């Protein structure tokens, strides 16, 4: 167990025949007591500072541990978000591809139907054109017949018509 300033102060030395000067020894002991008290005080202050520093280090260690855990959690959350984003992106791409395929298939079907309708209209227009040509040619043939000339040569006697009309009125 270390000496205390009180132990130094209460220390009694035996007196010898040609011993030390008592006043000098007492002064030296007083100086040792003061220095020892100062050292003990400094030691106590240093121990207190060390205790506070240890508490702060412990606090900072706890903060560091919490931050490390938070970083790990944030990294895991970021990784989860990244994985979910990739899954969602793949789903969106698949949906877009399905929609694109559907739109292309519908467009192809519509284009085929329209092409068939165009072919049908072309056929109908050829039939109509041929029939119309035949009708026009038949009409032209009618106009070119000799019947028109014969018709122009007829001379109708209207006197007989007047007589027939008068007879009709009598009845």
C-alpha atoms as a PDB file:
ATOM      1  CA  UNK A   1       0.000   0.000   0.000  1.00  0.00           C
ATOM      2  CA  UNK A   2       1.474   3.402  -1.015  1.00  0.00           C
ATOM      3  CA  UNK A   3       2.375   6.059   1.494  1.00  0.00           C
ATOM      4  CA  UNK A   4      -0.014   8.904   2.099  1.00  0.00           C
ATOM      5  CA  UNK A   5       1.048  12.503   2.904  1.00  0.00           C
ATOM      6  CA  UNK A   6      -0.221  11.871   6.452  1.00  0.00           C
ATOM      7  CA  UNK A   7       2.080   8.849   6.778  1.00  0.00           C
ATOM      8  CA  UNK A   8       5.031  11.002   5.748  1.00  0.00           C
ATOM      9  CA  UNK A   9       3.955  13.770   8.124  1.00  0.00           C
ATOM     10  CA  UNK A  10       3.563  11.402  11.105  1.00  0.00           C
ATOM     11  CA  UNK A  11       6.795   9.551  10.487  1.00  0.00           C
ATOM     12  CA  UNK A  12       9.097   9.852  13.482  1.00  0.00           C
ATOM     13  CA  UNK A  13      12.769   9.132  13.226  1.00  0.00           C
ATOM     14  CA  UNK A  14      14.869   8.029  16.114  1.00  0.00           C
ATOM     15  CA  UNK A  15      17.492  10.433  17.262  1.00  0.00           C
ATOM     16  CA  UNK A  16      21.073   9.570  17.013  1.00  0.00           C
ATOM     17  CA  UNK A  17      24.194  11.038  18.443  1.00  0.00           C
ATOM     18  CA  UNK A  18      25.335  12.916  15.443  1.00  0.00           C
ATOM     19  CA  UNK A  19      22.122  12.752  13.429  1.00  0.00           C
ATOM     20  CA  UNK A  20      20.681  15.036  10.911  1.00  0.00           C
ATOM     21  CA  UNK A  21      19.520  18.555  11.633  1.00  0.00           C
ATOM     22  CA  UNK A  22      15.923  18.136  12.688  1.00  0.00           C
ATOM     23  CA  UNK A  23      14.735  21.415  11.105  1.00  0.00           C
ATOM     24  CA  UNK A  24      16.255  20.532   7.753  1.00  0.00           C
ATOM     25  CA  UNK A  25      14.734  17.077   7.845  1.00  0.00           C
ATOM     26  CA  UNK A  26      11.342  18.555   8.814  1.00  0.00           C
ATOM     27  CA  UNK A  27      11.552  21.154   6.045  1.00  0.00           C
ATOM     28  CA  UNK A  28      12.504  18.445   3.568  1.00  0.00           C
ATOM     29  CA  UNK A  29       9.674  16.233   4.779  1.00  0.00           C
ATOM     30  CA  UNK A  30       7.252  19.190   4.469  1.00  0.00           C
ATOM     31  CA  UNK A  31       8.456  19.703   0.902  1.00  0.00           C
ATOM     32  CA  UNK A  32       8.026  15.976   0.185  1.00  0.00           C
ATOM     33  CA  UNK A  33       4.509  16.098   1.687  1.00  0.00           C
ATOM     34  CA  UNK A  34       3.567  19.051  -0.522  1.00  0.00           C
ATOM     35  CA  UNK A  35       5.038  17.423  -3.623  1.00  0.00           C
ATOM     36  CA  UNK A  36       3.478  14.086  -2.754  1.00  0.00           C
ATOM     37  CA  UNK A  37       0.067  15.726  -2.184  1.00  0.00           C
ATOM     38  CA  UNK A  38       0.461  17.517  -5.513  1.00  0.00           C
ATOM     39  CA  UNK A  39       1.355  14.245  -7.230  1.00  0.00           C
ATOM     40  CA  UNK A  40      -1.602  12.469  -5.642  1.00  0.00           C
ATOM     41  CA  UNK A  41      -3.896  15.327  -6.681  1.00  0.00           C
ATOM     42  CA  UNK A  42      -2.529  15.181 -10.240  1.00  0.00           C
ATOM     43  CA  UNK A  43      -2.881  11.410 -10.195  1.00  0.00           C
ATOM     44  CA  UNK A  44      -6.506  11.725  -9.088  1.00  0.00           C
ATOM     45  CA  UNK A  45      -7.194  14.336 -11.792  1.00  0.00           C
ATOM     46  CA  UNK A  46      -5.509  12.145 -14.396  1.00  0.00           C
ATOM     47  CA  UNK A  47      -7.494   9.131 -13.242  1.00  0.00           C
ATOM     48  CA  UNK A  48     -10.688  11.212 -13.501  1.00  0.00           C
ATOM     49  CA  UNK A  49      -9.697  12.395 -16.970  1.00  0.00           C
ATOM     50  CA  UNK A  50      -8.852   8.821 -17.926  1.00  0.00           C
ATOM     51  CA  UNK A  51     -12.224   7.676 -16.635  1.00  0.00           C
ATOM     52  CA  UNK A  52     -13.975  10.424 -18.646  1.00  0.00           C
ATOM     53  CA  UNK A  53     -11.885   9.577 -21.681  1.00  0.00           C
ATOM     54  CA  UNK A  54     -12.731   5.894 -21.272  1.00  0.00           C
ATOM     55  CA  UNK A  55     -16.418   6.816 -21.034  1.00  0.00           C
ATOM     56  CA  UNK A  56     -16.123   8.963 -24.161  1.00  0.00           C
ATOM     57  CA  UNK A  57     -14.222   6.198 -25.958  1.00  0.00           C
ATOM     58  CA  UNK A  58     -16.929   3.775 -24.878  1.00  0.00           C
ATOM     59  CA  UNK A  59     -19.564   6.213 -26.131  1.00  0.00           C
ATOM     60  CA  UNK A  60     -17.747   6.671 -29.422  1.00  0.00           C
ATOM     61  CA  UNK A  61     -17.241   2.909 -29.692  1.00  0.00           C
ATOM     62  CA  UNK A  62     -20.980   2.473 -29.241  1.00  0.00           C
ATOM     63  CA  UNK A  63     -21.619   5.163 -31.864  1.00  0.00           C
ATOM     64  CA  UNK A  64     -19.098   3.497 -34.182  1.00  0.00           C
ATOM     65  CA  UNK A  65     -20.770   0.131 -33.688  1.00  0.00           C
ATOM     66  CA  UNK A  66     -24.190   1.677 -34.301  1.00  0.00           C
ATOM     67  CA  UNK A  67     -22.901   3.434 -37.414  1.00  0.00           C
ATOM     68  CA  UNK A  68     -21.358   0.219 -38.705  1.00  0.00           C
ATOM     69  CA  UNK A  69     -24.623  -1.601 -38.123  1.00  0.00           C
ATOM     70  CA  UNK A  70     -26.494   1.264 -39.800  1.00  0.00           C
ATOM     71  CA  UNK A  71     -24.125   1.120 -42.760  1.00  0.00           C
ATOM     72  CA  UNK A  72     -24.643  -2.634 -43.044  1.00  0.00           C
ATOM     73  CA  UNK A  73     -28.419  -2.184 -42.833  1.00  0.00           C
ATOM     74  CA  UNK A  74     -28.270   0.638 -45.410  1.00  0.00           C
ATOM     75  CA  UNK A  75     -26.129  -1.499 -47.719  1.00  0.00           C
ATOM     76  CA  UNK A  76     -28.533  -4.406 -47.355  1.00  0.00           C
ATOM     77  CA  UNK A  77     -31.490  -2.103 -47.978  1.00  0.00           C
ATOM     78  CA  UNK A  78     -29.753  -0.620 -51.024  1.00  0.00           C
ATOM     79  CA  UNK A  79     -29.012  -4.122 -52.298  1.00  0.00           C
ATOM     80  CA  UNK A  80     -32.643  -5.114 -51.733  1.00  0.00           C
ATOM     81  CA  UNK A  81     -33.836  -1.984 -53.550  1.00  0.00           C
ATOM     82  CA  UNK A  82     -31.425  -2.736 -56.392  1.00  0.00           C
ATOM     83  CA  UNK A  83     -32.652  -6.353 -56.645  1.00  0.00           C
ATOM     84  CA  UNK A  84     -36.284  -5.239 -56.537  1.00  0.00           C
ATOM     85  CA  UNK A  85     -35.597  -2.580 -59.158  1.00  0.00           C
ATOM     86  CA  UNK A  86     -33.972  -5.160 -61.406  1.00  0.00           C
ATOM     87  CA  UNK A  87     -36.925  -7.524 -60.954  1.00  0.00           C
ATOM     88  CA  UNK A  88     -39.354  -4.701 -61.670  1.00  0.00           C
ATOM     89  CA  UNK A  89     -37.350  -3.633 -64.706  1.00  0.00           C
ATOM     90  CA  UNK A  90     -37.393  -7.214 -66.027  1.00  0.00           C
ATOM     91  CA  UNK A  91     -41.150  -7.392 -65.482  1.00  0.00           C
ATOM     92  CA  UNK A  92     -41.638  -4.075 -67.272  1.00  0.00           C
ATOM     93  CA  UNK A  93     -39.478  -5.269 -70.179  1.00  0.00           C
ATOM     94  CA  UNK A  94     -41.442  -8.542 -70.380  1.00  0.00           C
ATOM     95  CA  UNK A  95     -44.743  -6.666 -70.323  1.00  0.00           C
ATOM     96  CA  UNK A  96     -43.477  -4.265 -72.981  1.00  0.00           C
ATOM     97  CA  UNK A  97     -42.322  -7.181 -75.136  1.00  0.00           C
ATOM     98  CA  UNK A  98     -45.699  -8.903 -74.722  1.00  0.00           C
ATOM     99  CA  UNK A  99     -47.511  -5.688 -75.616  1.00  0.00           C
ATOM    100  CA  UNK A 100     -45.194  -5.145 -78.567  1.00  0.00           C
ATOM    101  CA  UNK A 101     -45.794  -8.715 -79.776  1.00  0.00           C
ATOM    102  CA  UNK A 102     -49.540  -8.274 -79.343  1.00  0.00           C
ATOM    103  CA  UNK A 103     -49.504  -4.937 -81.192  1.00  0.00           C
ATOM    104  CA  UNK A 104     -47.370  -6.399 -83.995  1.00  0.00           C
ATOM    105  CA  UNK A 105     -49.648  -9.448 -84.286  1.00  0.00           C
ATOM    106  CA  UNK A 106     -52.765  -7.267 -84.298  1.00  0.00           C
ATOM    107  CA  UNK A 107     -51.173  -4.988 -86.896  1.00  0.00           C
ATOM    108  CA  UNK A 108     -50.210  -7.946 -89.076  1.00  0.00           C
ATOM    109  CA  UNK A 109     -53.715  -9.385 -88.805  1.00  0.00           C
ATOM    110  CA  UNK A 110     -55.224  -6.007 -89.640  1.00  0.00           C
ATOM    111  CA  UNK A 111     -52.787  -5.545 -92.538  1.00  0.00           C
ATOM    112  CA  UNK A 112     -53.698  -8.993 -93.921  1.00  0.00           C
ATOM    113  CA  UNK A 113     -57.403  -8.234 -93.583  1.00  0.00           C
ATOM    114  CA  UNK A 114     -56.963  -4.878 -95.313  1.00  0.00           C
ATOM    115  CA  UNK A 115     -54.874  -6.513 -98.074  1.00  0.00           C
ATOM    116  CA  UNK A 116     -57.633  -9.108 -98.587  1.00  0.00           C
ATOM    117  CA  UNK A 117     -60.243  -6.329 -98.674  1.00  0.00           C
ATOM    118  CA  UNK A 118     -58.129  -4.455-101.234  1.00  0.00           C
ATOM    119  CA  UNK A 119     -57.838  -7.606-103.381  1.00  0.00           C
ATOM    120  CA  UNK A 120     -61.596  -8.118-103.102  1.00  0.00           C
ATOM    121  CA  UNK A 121     -62.246  -4.484-104.078  1.00  0.00           C
ATOM    122  CA  UNK A 122     -59.879  -4.835-107.039  1.00  0.00           C
ATOM    123  CA  UNK A 123     -61.775  -7.925-108.189  1.00  0.00           C
ATOM    124  CA  UNK A 124     -65.101  -6.162-107.745  1.00  0.00           C
ATOM    125  CA  UNK A 125     -63.837  -3.097-109.631  1.00  0.00           C
ATOM    126  CA  UNK A 126     -62.668  -5.344-112.518  1.00  0.00           C
ATOM    127  CA  UNK A 127     -66.065  -7.039-112.588  1.00  0.00           C
ATOM    128  CA  UNK A 128     -67.860  -3.675-112.435  1.00  0.00           C
ATOM    129  CA  UNK A 129     -65.594  -2.252-115.158  1.00  0.00           C
ATOM    130  CA  UNK A 130     -66.213  -5.240-117.424  1.00  0.00           C
ATOM    131  CA  UNK A 131     -69.972  -5.092-116.842  1.00  0.00           C
ATOM    132  CA  UNK A 132     -70.019  -1.353-117.358  1.00  0.00           C
ATOM    133  CA  UNK A 133     -67.979  -1.741-120.548  1.00  0.00           C
ATOM    134  CA  UNK A 134     -70.396  -4.427-121.741  1.00  0.00           C
ATOM    135  CA  UNK A 135     -73.368  -2.165-120.921  1.00  0.00           C
ATOM    136  CA  UNK A 136     -71.803   0.818-122.711  1.00  0.00           C
ATOM    137  CA  UNK A 137     -70.866  -1.365-125.687  1.00  0.00           C
ATOM    138  CA  UNK A 138     -74.399  -2.787-125.793  1.00  0.00           C
ATOM    139  CA  UNK A 139     -75.793   0.754-125.744  1.00  0.00           C
ATOM    140  CA  UNK A 140     -73.382   1.807-128.487  1.00  0.00           C
ATOM    141  CA  UNK A 141     -74.383  -1.243-130.497  1.00  0.00           C
ATOM    142  CA  UNK A 142     -78.030  -0.210-130.037  1.00  0.00           C
ATOM    143  CA  UNK A 143     -77.232   3.258-131.276  1.00  0.00           C
ATOM    144  CA  UNK A 144     -75.319   1.913-134.255  1.00  0.00           C
ATOM    145  CA  UNK A 145     -78.126  -0.427-135.399  1.00  0.00           C
ATOM    146  CA  UNK A 146     -80.059   0.195-138.588  1.00  0.00           C
ATOM    147  CA  UNK A 147     -83.303   0.316-136.613  1.00  0.00           C
ATOM    148  CA  UNK A 148     -82.750   4.018-136.000  1.00  0.00           C
ATOM    149  CA  UNK A 149     -82.545   4.638-139.711  1.00  0.00           C
ATOM    150  CA  UNK A 150     -85.651   2.595-140.323  1.00  0.00           C
ATOM    151  CA  UNK A 151     -87.457   4.472-137.619  1.00  0.00           C
ATOM    152  CA  UNK A 152     -86.601   7.767-139.248  1.00  0.00           C
ATOM    153  CA  UNK A 153     -88.012   6.567-142.541  1.00  0.00           C
ATOM    154  CA  UNK A 154     -91.455   5.917-141.159  1.00  0.00           C
ATOM    155  CA  UNK A 155     -94.059   8.440-142.135  1.00  0.00           C
ATOM    156  CA  UNK A 156     -97.151   8.347-140.019  1.00  0.00           C
ATOM    157  CA  UNK A 157    -100.417   9.480-141.436  1.00  0.00           C
ATOM    158  CA  UNK A 158    -102.095  11.469-138.674  1.00  0.00           C
ATOM    159  CA  UNK A 159    -105.426  11.695-140.498  1.00  0.00           C
ATOM    160  CA  UNK A 160    -106.284   8.142-139.637  1.00  0.00           C
ATOM    161  CA  UNK A 161    -105.524   8.918-136.014  1.00  0.00           C
ATOM    162  CA  UNK A 162    -107.918  11.812-136.008  1.00  0.00           C
ATOM    163  CA  UNK A 163    -110.675   9.558-137.320  1.00  0.00           C
ATOM    164  CA  UNK A 164    -110.011   6.929-134.722  1.00  0.00           C
ATOM    165  CA  UNK A 165    -110.140   9.482-132.027  1.00  0.00           C
ATOM    166  CA  UNK A 166    -113.463  10.819-133.211  1.00  0.00           C
ATOM    167  CA  UNK A 167    -114.947   7.347-133.163  1.00  0.00           C
ATOM    168  CA  UNK A 168    -113.736   6.817-129.719  1.00  0.00           C
ATOM    169  CA  UNK A 169    -115.504   9.893-128.499  1.00  0.00           C
ATOM    170  CA  UNK A 170    -118.793   8.729-129.973  1.00  0.00           C
ATOM    171  CA  UNK A 171    -118.896   5.697-127.871  1.00  0.00           C
END
